């Protein structure tokens, strides 16, 4: 027997998930959306990974947007205080 490599282990896991998905079935709006083949399982896993990465990017962009707004508001307040002679 040879030891399983990463590729073989990933393929076996994808086969297992495909079998489970076919047994369970997955309907959206009355249409079966379970993967029809092993390639569909692998693509769906890749899409799920990308979806998670995109959520992380969206969170970081929201944080950056908040920082920029705070910087602009504080600069505007500082300018107004200077113009009013209060600083």
PDB file of N, CA and C in Angstrom:
ATOM      1  N   UNK A   1       0.833  -1.188   0.000  1.00  0.00           N
ATOM      2  CA  UNK A   1       0.000   0.000   0.000  1.00  0.00           C
ATOM      3  C   UNK A   1       0.879   1.253   0.000  1.00  0.00           C
ATOM      4  N   UNK A   2       0.456   2.240  -0.711  1.00  0.00           N
ATOM      5  CA  UNK A   2       1.172   3.509  -0.716  1.00  0.00           C
ATOM      6  C   UNK A   2       0.437   4.482   0.205  1.00  0.00           C
ATOM      7  N   UNK A   3       1.188   5.435   0.727  1.00  0.00           N
ATOM      8  CA  UNK A   3       0.554   6.419   1.596  1.00  0.00           C
ATOM      9  C   UNK A   3      -0.197   7.437   0.742  1.00  0.00           C
ATOM     10  N   UNK A   4      -1.276   7.949   1.314  1.00  0.00           N
ATOM     11  CA  UNK A   4      -2.088   8.921   0.593  1.00  0.00           C
ATOM     12  C   UNK A   4      -1.377  10.267   0.557  1.00  0.00           C
ATOM     13  N   UNK A   5      -1.357  10.866  -0.609  1.00  0.00           N
ATOM     14  CA  UNK A   5      -0.835  12.220  -0.735  1.00  0.00           C
ATOM     15  C   UNK A   5      -1.962  13.219  -0.490  1.00  0.00           C
ATOM     16  N   UNK A   6      -1.612  14.470  -0.516  1.00  0.00           N
ATOM     17  CA  UNK A   6      -2.617  15.513  -0.297  1.00  0.00           C
ATOM     18  C   UNK A   6      -3.707  15.476  -1.351  1.00  0.00           C
ATOM     19  N   UNK A   7      -3.317  15.248  -2.601  1.00  0.00           N
ATOM     20  CA  UNK A   7      -4.290  15.219  -3.690  1.00  0.00           C
ATOM     21  C   UNK A   7      -5.274  14.071  -3.540  1.00  0.00           C
ATOM     22  N   UNK A   8      -4.759  12.909  -3.200  1.00  0.00           N
ATOM     23  CA  UNK A   8      -5.632  11.744  -3.041  1.00  0.00           C
ATOM     24  C   UNK A   8      -6.574  11.938  -1.854  1.00  0.00           C
ATOM     25  N   UNK A   9      -6.057  12.502  -0.769  1.00  0.00           N
ATOM     26  CA  UNK A   9      -6.898  12.743   0.408  1.00  0.00           C
ATOM     27  C   UNK A   9      -7.998  13.752   0.076  1.00  0.00           C
ATOM     28  N   UNK A  10      -7.650  14.790  -0.678  1.00  0.00           N
ATOM     29  CA  UNK A  10      -8.655  15.795  -1.065  1.00  0.00           C
ATOM     30  C   UNK A  10      -9.699  15.169  -1.977  1.00  0.00           C
ATOM     31  N   UNK A  11      -9.269  14.293  -2.889  1.00  0.00           N
ATOM     32  CA  UNK A  11     -10.203  13.632  -3.797  1.00  0.00           C
ATOM     33  C   UNK A  11     -11.140  12.706  -3.037  1.00  0.00           C
ATOM     34  N   UNK A  12     -10.593  11.962  -2.094  1.00  0.00           N
ATOM     35  CA  UNK A  12     -11.446  11.066  -1.297  1.00  0.00           C
ATOM     36  C   UNK A  12     -12.475  11.864  -0.476  1.00  0.00           C
ATOM     37  N   UNK A  13     -12.044  12.986   0.081  1.00  0.00           N
ATOM     38  CA  UNK A  13     -12.959  13.836   0.851  1.00  0.00           C
ATOM     39  C   UNK A  13     -14.052  14.408  -0.055  1.00  0.00           C
ATOM     40  N   UNK A  14     -13.667  14.842  -1.256  1.00  0.00           N
ATOM     41  CA  UNK A  14     -14.649  15.368  -2.204  1.00  0.00           C
ATOM     42  C   UNK A  14     -15.636  14.280  -2.615  1.00  0.00           C
ATOM     43  N   UNK A  15     -15.148  13.055  -2.820  1.00  0.00           N
ATOM     44  CA  UNK A  15     -16.045  11.937  -3.154  1.00  0.00           C
ATOM     45  C   UNK A  15     -17.033  11.673  -2.021  1.00  0.00           C
ATOM     46  N   UNK A  16     -16.546  11.720  -0.793  1.00  0.00           N
ATOM     47  CA  UNK A  16     -17.423  11.506   0.356  1.00  0.00           C
ATOM     48  C   UNK A  16     -18.500  12.582   0.417  1.00  0.00           C
ATOM     49  N   UNK A  17     -18.092  13.846   0.233  1.00  0.00           N
ATOM     50  CA  UNK A  17     -19.052  14.949   0.284  1.00  0.00           C
ATOM     51  C   UNK A  17     -20.059  14.867  -0.853  1.00  0.00           C
ATOM     52  N   UNK A  18     -19.594  14.428  -2.036  1.00  0.00           N
ATOM     53  CA  UNK A  18     -20.495  14.298  -3.178  1.00  0.00           C
ATOM     54  C   UNK A  18     -21.547  13.236  -2.898  1.00  0.00           C
ATOM     55  N   UNK A  19     -21.109  12.109  -2.329  1.00  0.00           N
ATOM     56  CA  UNK A  19     -22.058  11.048  -1.991  1.00  0.00           C
ATOM     57  C   UNK A  19     -23.098  11.515  -0.979  1.00  0.00           C
ATOM     58  N   UNK A  20     -22.652  12.263   0.027  1.00  0.00           N
ATOM     59  CA  UNK A  20     -23.587  12.785   1.030  1.00  0.00           C
ATOM     60  C   UNK A  20     -24.570  13.772   0.399  1.00  0.00           C
ATOM     61  N   UNK A  21     -24.056  14.646  -0.468  1.00  0.00           N
ATOM     62  CA  UNK A  21     -24.913  15.647  -1.112  1.00  0.00           C
ATOM     63  C   UNK A  21     -25.951  14.975  -2.002  1.00  0.00           C
ATOM     64  N   UNK A  22     -25.570  13.904  -2.701  1.00  0.00           N
ATOM     65  CA  UNK A  22     -26.521  13.204  -3.573  1.00  0.00           C
ATOM     66  C   UNK A  22     -27.603  12.509  -2.742  1.00  0.00           C
ATOM     67  N   UNK A  23     -27.223  11.964  -1.591  1.00  0.00           N
ATOM     68  CA  UNK A  23     -28.217  11.300  -0.741  1.00  0.00           C
ATOM     69  C   UNK A  23     -29.179  12.311  -0.132  1.00  0.00           C
ATOM     70  N   UNK A  24     -28.652  13.418   0.356  1.00  0.00           N
ATOM     71  CA  UNK A  24     -29.480  14.448   1.001  1.00  0.00           C
ATOM     72  C   UNK A  24     -30.315  15.210   0.001  1.00  0.00           C
ATOM     73  N   UNK A  25     -29.686  15.584  -1.083  1.00  0.00           N
ATOM     74  CA  UNK A  25     -30.338  16.466  -2.050  1.00  0.00           C
ATOM     75  C   UNK A  25     -30.381  17.878  -1.499  1.00  0.00           C
ATOM     76  N   UNK A  26     -30.485  18.843  -2.375  1.00  0.00           N
ATOM     77  CA  UNK A  26     -30.543  20.227  -1.939  1.00  0.00           C
ATOM     78  C   UNK A  26     -31.391  20.969  -2.950  1.00  0.00           C
ATOM     79  N   UNK A  27     -32.560  21.402  -2.501  1.00  0.00           N
ATOM     80  CA  UNK A  27     -33.474  22.083  -3.403  1.00  0.00           C
ATOM     81  C   UNK A  27     -33.575  23.556  -3.055  1.00  0.00           C
ATOM     82  N   UNK A  28     -33.522  24.362  -4.083  1.00  0.00           N
ATOM     83  CA  UNK A  28     -33.715  25.799  -3.945  1.00  0.00           C
ATOM     84  C   UNK A  28     -34.786  26.171  -4.951  1.00  0.00           C
ATOM     85  N   UNK A  29     -35.916  26.619  -4.454  1.00  0.00           N
ATOM     86  CA  UNK A  29     -37.019  26.976  -5.347  1.00  0.00           C
ATOM     87  C   UNK A  29     -37.528  25.790  -6.148  1.00  0.00           C
ATOM     88  N   UNK A  30     -37.467  24.603  -5.567  1.00  0.00           N
ATOM     89  CA  UNK A  30     -37.955  23.407  -6.238  1.00  0.00           C
ATOM     90  C   UNK A  30     -36.954  22.784  -7.205  1.00  0.00           C
ATOM     91  N   UNK A  31     -35.782  23.376  -7.351  1.00  0.00           N
ATOM     92  CA  UNK A  31     -34.762  22.865  -8.257  1.00  0.00           C
ATOM     93  C   UNK A  31     -33.647  22.228  -7.439  1.00  0.00           C
ATOM     94  N   UNK A  32     -33.259  21.008  -7.817  1.00  0.00           N
ATOM     95  CA  UNK A  32     -32.174  20.314  -7.116  1.00  0.00           C
ATOM     96  C   UNK A  32     -30.857  20.983  -7.467  1.00  0.00           C
ATOM     97  N   UNK A  33     -30.165  21.497  -6.449  1.00  0.00           N
ATOM     98  CA  UNK A  33     -28.894  22.192  -6.679  1.00  0.00           C
ATOM     99  C   UNK A  33     -27.704  21.410  -6.134  1.00  0.00           C
ATOM    100  N   UNK A  34     -27.919  20.146  -5.789  1.00  0.00           N
ATOM    101  CA  UNK A  34     -26.805  19.314  -5.322  1.00  0.00           C
ATOM    102  C   UNK A  34     -25.827  19.126  -6.486  1.00  0.00           C
ATOM    103  N   UNK A  35     -24.538  19.073  -6.197  1.00  0.00           N
ATOM    104  CA  UNK A  35     -23.558  18.901  -7.276  1.00  0.00           C
ATOM    105  C   UNK A  35     -23.833  17.625  -8.069  1.00  0.00           C
ATOM    106  N   UNK A  36     -23.771  17.725  -9.384  1.00  0.00           N
ATOM    107  CA  UNK A  36     -24.061  16.574 -10.240  1.00  0.00           C
ATOM    108  C   UNK A  36     -22.816  15.715 -10.467  1.00  0.00           C
ATOM    109  N   UNK A  37     -21.653  16.235 -10.119  1.00  0.00           N
ATOM    110  CA  UNK A  37     -20.426  15.478 -10.347  1.00  0.00           C
ATOM    111  C   UNK A  37     -19.389  15.875  -9.303  1.00  0.00           C
ATOM    112  N   UNK A  38     -18.299  15.180  -9.316  1.00  0.00           N
ATOM    113  CA  UNK A  38     -17.210  15.435  -8.375  1.00  0.00           C
ATOM    114  C   UNK A  38     -16.615  16.821  -8.607  1.00  0.00           C
ATOM    115  N   UNK A  39     -16.519  17.225  -9.856  1.00  0.00           N
ATOM    116  CA  UNK A  39     -15.986  18.553 -10.183  1.00  0.00           C
ATOM    117  C   UNK A  39     -16.843  19.638  -9.532  1.00  0.00           C
ATOM    118  N   UNK A  40     -18.162  19.439  -9.519  1.00  0.00           N
ATOM    119  CA  UNK A  40     -19.067  20.407  -8.885  1.00  0.00           C
ATOM    120  C   UNK A  40     -18.787  20.563  -7.404  1.00  0.00           C
ATOM    121  N   UNK A  41     -18.459  19.467  -6.736  1.00  0.00           N
ATOM    122  CA  UNK A  41     -18.134  19.516  -5.303  1.00  0.00           C
ATOM    123  C   UNK A  41     -16.866  20.334  -5.084  1.00  0.00           C
ATOM    124  N   UNK A  42     -15.854  20.075  -5.894  1.00  0.00           N
ATOM    125  CA  UNK A  42     -14.581  20.779  -5.738  1.00  0.00           C
ATOM    126  C   UNK A  42     -14.749  22.265  -6.041  1.00  0.00           C
ATOM    127  N   UNK A  43     -15.510  22.583  -7.085  1.00  0.00           N
ATOM    128  CA  UNK A  43     -15.745  23.985  -7.438  1.00  0.00           C
ATOM    129  C   UNK A  43     -16.528  24.676  -6.327  1.00  0.00           C
ATOM    130  N   UNK A  44     -17.531  23.999  -5.775  1.00  0.00           N
ATOM    131  CA  UNK A  44     -18.335  24.595  -4.701  1.00  0.00           C
ATOM    132  C   UNK A  44     -17.480  24.883  -3.475  1.00  0.00           C
ATOM    133  N   UNK A  45     -16.563  23.988  -3.134  1.00  0.00           N
ATOM    134  CA  UNK A  45     -15.660  24.232  -2.004  1.00  0.00           C
ATOM    135  C   UNK A  45     -14.786  25.449  -2.267  1.00  0.00           C
ATOM    136  N   UNK A  46     -14.290  25.569  -3.502  1.00  0.00           N
ATOM    137  CA  UNK A  46     -13.489  26.738  -3.858  1.00  0.00           C
ATOM    138  C   UNK A  46     -14.294  28.021  -3.754  1.00  0.00           C
ATOM    139  N   UNK A  47     -15.536  27.980  -4.213  1.00  0.00           N
ATOM    140  CA  UNK A  47     -16.405  29.151  -4.128  1.00  0.00           C
ATOM    141  C   UNK A  47     -16.706  29.528  -2.681  1.00  0.00           C
ATOM    142  N   UNK A  48     -16.896  28.528  -1.836  1.00  0.00           N
ATOM    143  CA  UNK A  48     -17.136  28.809  -0.417  1.00  0.00           C
ATOM    144  C   UNK A  48     -15.921  29.472   0.223  1.00  0.00           C
ATOM    145  N   UNK A  49     -14.724  29.016  -0.145  1.00  0.00           N
ATOM    146  CA  UNK A  49     -13.499  29.639   0.373  1.00  0.00           C
ATOM    147  C   UNK A  49     -13.398  31.089  -0.090  1.00  0.00           C
ATOM    148  N   UNK A  50     -13.680  31.321  -1.361  1.00  0.00           N
ATOM    149  CA  UNK A  50     -13.616  32.681  -1.907  1.00  0.00           C
ATOM    150  C   UNK A  50     -14.668  33.563  -1.243  1.00  0.00           C
ATOM    151  N   UNK A  51     -15.854  33.019  -1.000  1.00  0.00           N
ATOM    152  CA  UNK A  51     -16.919  33.779  -0.351  1.00  0.00           C
ATOM    153  C   UNK A  51     -16.471  34.246   1.035  1.00  0.00           C
ATOM    154  N   UNK A  52     -15.801  33.382   1.785  1.00  0.00           N
ATOM    155  CA  UNK A  52     -15.288  33.760   3.096  1.00  0.00           C
ATOM    156  C   UNK A  52     -14.234  34.843   3.002  1.00  0.00           C
ATOM    157  N   UNK A  53     -13.350  34.719   2.004  1.00  0.00           N
ATOM    158  CA  UNK A  53     -12.319  35.742   1.808  1.00  0.00           C
ATOM    159  C   UNK A  53     -12.940  37.084   1.461  1.00  0.00           C
ATOM    160  N   UNK A  54     -13.962  37.070   0.625  1.00  0.00           N
ATOM    161  CA  UNK A  54     -14.630  38.320   0.247  1.00  0.00           C
ATOM    162  C   UNK A  54     -15.299  38.984   1.447  1.00  0.00           C
ATOM    163  N   UNK A  55     -15.861  38.189   2.336  1.00  0.00           N
ATOM    164  CA  UNK A  55     -16.464  38.756   3.548  1.00  0.00           C
ATOM    165  C   UNK A  55     -15.402  39.445   4.402  1.00  0.00           C
ATOM    166  N   UNK A  56     -14.225  38.824   4.504  1.00  0.00           N
ATOM    167  CA  UNK A  56     -13.124  39.436   5.253  1.00  0.00           C
ATOM    168  C   UNK A  56     -12.695  40.755   4.619  1.00  0.00           C
ATOM    169  N   UNK A  57     -12.604  40.777   3.300  1.00  0.00           N
ATOM    170  CA  UNK A  57     -12.218  42.000   2.591  1.00  0.00           C
ATOM    171  C   UNK A  57     -13.260  43.085   2.796  1.00  0.00           C
ATOM    172  N   UNK A  58     -14.531  42.719   2.746  1.00  0.00           N
ATOM    173  CA  UNK A  58     -15.598  43.706   2.965  1.00  0.00           C
ATOM    174  C   UNK A  58     -15.513  44.305   4.364  1.00  0.00           C
ATOM    175  N   UNK A  59     -15.223  43.480   5.360  1.00  0.00           N
ATOM    176  CA  UNK A  59     -15.090  43.982   6.729  1.00  0.00           C
ATOM    177  C   UNK A  59     -13.919  44.957   6.848  1.00  0.00           C
ATOM    178  N   UNK A  60     -12.802  44.610   6.210  1.00  0.00           N
ATOM    179  CA  UNK A  60     -11.639  45.502   6.262  1.00  0.00           C
ATOM    180  C   UNK A  60     -11.917  46.820   5.549  1.00  0.00           C
ATOM    181  N   UNK A  61     -12.603  46.766   4.413  1.00  0.00           N
ATOM    182  CA  UNK A  61     -12.928  47.996   3.691  1.00  0.00           C
ATOM    183  C   UNK A  61     -13.885  48.880   4.495  1.00  0.00           C
ATOM    184  N   UNK A  62     -14.815  48.270   5.203  1.00  0.00           N
ATOM    185  CA  UNK A  62     -15.727  49.052   6.046  1.00  0.00           C
ATOM    186  C   UNK A  62     -14.945  49.748   7.157  1.00  0.00           C
ATOM    187  N   UNK A  63     -13.959  49.057   7.741  1.00  0.00           N
ATOM    188  CA  UNK A  63     -13.131  49.657   8.784  1.00  0.00           C
ATOM    189  C   UNK A  63     -12.319  50.820   8.216  1.00  0.00           C
ATOM    190  N   UNK A  64     -11.732  50.621   7.050  1.00  0.00           N
ATOM    191  CA  UNK A  64     -10.950  51.690   6.411  1.00  0.00           C
ATOM    192  C   UNK A  64     -11.832  52.894   6.117  1.00  0.00           C
ATOM    193  N   UNK A  65     -13.044  52.648   5.647  1.00  0.00           N
ATOM    194  CA  UNK A  65     -13.980  53.741   5.359  1.00  0.00           C
ATOM    195  C   UNK A  65     -14.288  54.539   6.624  1.00  0.00           C
ATOM    196  N   UNK A  66     -14.498  53.846   7.738  1.00  0.00           N
ATOM    197  CA  UNK A  66     -14.765  54.541   9.001  1.00  0.00           C
ATOM    198  C   UNK A  66     -13.569  55.386   9.428  1.00  0.00           C
ATOM    199  N   UNK A  67     -12.364  54.858   9.270  1.00  0.00           N
ATOM    200  CA  UNK A  67     -11.156  55.606   9.641  1.00  0.00           C
ATOM    201  C   UNK A  67     -11.036  56.871   8.790  1.00  0.00           C
ATOM    202  N   UNK A  68     -11.301  56.742   7.505  1.00  0.00           N
ATOM    203  CA  UNK A  68     -11.208  57.900   6.606  1.00  0.00           C
ATOM    204  C   UNK A  68     -12.235  58.959   6.971  1.00  0.00           C
ATOM    205  N   UNK A  69     -13.460  58.540   7.265  1.00  0.00           N
ATOM    206  CA  UNK A  69     -14.508  59.504   7.638  1.00  0.00           C
ATOM    207  C   UNK A  69     -14.130  60.229   8.922  1.00  0.00           C
ATOM    208  N   UNK A  70     -13.620  59.501   9.910  1.00  0.00           N
ATOM    209  CA  UNK A  70     -13.209  60.124  11.172  1.00  0.00           C
ATOM    210  C   UNK A  70     -12.071  61.107  10.926  1.00  0.00           C
ATOM    211  N   UNK A  71     -11.126  60.751  10.071  1.00  0.00           N
ATOM    212  CA  UNK A  71     -10.004  61.646   9.769  1.00  0.00           C
ATOM    213  C   UNK A  71     -10.495  62.920   9.093  1.00  0.00           C
ATOM    214  N   UNK A  72     -11.414  62.791   8.155  1.00  0.00           N
ATOM    215  CA  UNK A  72     -11.943  63.968   7.458  1.00  0.00           C
ATOM    216  C   UNK A  72     -12.714  64.865   8.414  1.00  0.00           C
ATOM    217  N   UNK A  73     -13.542  64.267   9.256  1.00  0.00           N
ATOM    218  CA  UNK A  73     -14.331  65.055  10.205  1.00  0.00           C
ATOM    219  C   UNK A  73     -13.416  65.765  11.203  1.00  0.00           C
ATOM    220  N   UNK A  74     -12.406  65.065  11.708  1.00  0.00           N
ATOM    221  CA  UNK A  74     -11.506  65.712  12.670  1.00  0.00           C
ATOM    222  C   UNK A  74     -10.691  66.824  11.999  1.00  0.00           C
ATOM    223  N   UNK A  75     -10.306  66.641  10.757  1.00  0.00           N
ATOM    224  CA  UNK A  75      -9.585  67.695  10.036  1.00  0.00           C
ATOM    225  C   UNK A  75     -10.498  68.900   9.814  1.00  0.00           C
ATOM    226  N   UNK A  76     -11.751  68.645   9.494  1.00  0.00           N
ATOM    227  CA  UNK A  76     -12.702  69.748   9.284  1.00  0.00           C
ATOM    228  C   UNK A  76     -12.940  70.508  10.587  1.00  0.00           C
ATOM    229  N   UNK A  77     -13.061  69.805  11.690  1.00  0.00           N
ATOM    230  CA  UNK A  77     -13.263  70.466  12.983  1.00  0.00           C
ATOM    231  C   UNK A  77     -12.032  71.291  13.346  1.00  0.00           C
ATOM    232  N   UNK A  78     -10.837  70.731  13.117  1.00  0.00           N
ATOM    233  CA  UNK A  78      -9.597  71.458  13.380  1.00  0.00           C
ATOM    234  C   UNK A  78      -9.505  72.723  12.546  1.00  0.00           C
ATOM    235  N   UNK A  79      -9.888  72.631  11.280  1.00  0.00           N
ATOM    236  CA  UNK A  79      -9.860  73.802  10.396  1.00  0.00           C
ATOM    237  C   UNK A  79     -10.844  74.849  10.867  1.00  0.00           C
ATOM    238  N   UNK A  80     -12.042  74.439  11.244  1.00  0.00           N
ATOM    239  CA  UNK A  80     -13.052  75.374  11.736  1.00  0.00           C
ATOM    240  C   UNK A  80     -12.588  76.055  13.015  1.00  0.00           C
ATOM    241  N   UNK A  81     -11.950  75.322  13.894  1.00  0.00           N
ATOM    242  CA  UNK A  81     -11.441  75.907  15.140  1.00  0.00           C
ATOM    243  C   UNK A  81     -10.332  76.917  14.852  1.00  0.00           C
ATOM    244  N   UNK A  82      -9.477  76.602  13.887  1.00  0.00           N
ATOM    245  CA  UNK A  82      -8.414  77.548  13.506  1.00  0.00           C
ATOM    246  C   UNK A  82      -9.014  78.821  12.901  1.00  0.00           C
ATOM    247  N   UNK A  83      -9.986  78.641  12.059  1.00  0.00           N
ATOM    248  CA  UNK A  83     -10.608  79.799  11.399  1.00  0.00           C
ATOM    249  C   UNK A  83     -11.358  80.658  12.409  1.00  0.00           C
ATOM    250  N   UNK A  84     -11.902  80.029  13.427  1.00  0.00           N
ATOM    251  CA  UNK A  84     -12.631  80.772  14.453  1.00  0.00           C
ATOM    252  C   UNK A  84     -11.715  81.376  15.492  1.00  0.00           C
ATOM    253  N   UNK A  85     -10.443  81.113  15.415  1.00  0.00           N
ATOM    254  CA  UNK A  85      -9.486  81.668  16.366  1.00  0.00           C
ATOM    255  C   UNK A  85      -9.512  81.000  17.723  1.00  0.00           C
ATOM    256  N   UNK A  86     -10.098  79.848  17.798  1.00  0.00           N
ATOM    257  CA  UNK A  86     -10.175  79.136  19.089  1.00  0.00           C
ATOM    258  C   UNK A  86      -8.984  78.223  19.315  1.00  0.00           C
ATOM    259  N   UNK A  87      -8.101  78.184  18.390  1.00  0.00           N
ATOM    260  CA  UNK A  87      -6.976  77.274  18.518  1.00  0.00           C
ATOM    261  C   UNK A  87      -5.675  77.982  18.321  1.00  0.00           C
TER     262      UNK A  87
END
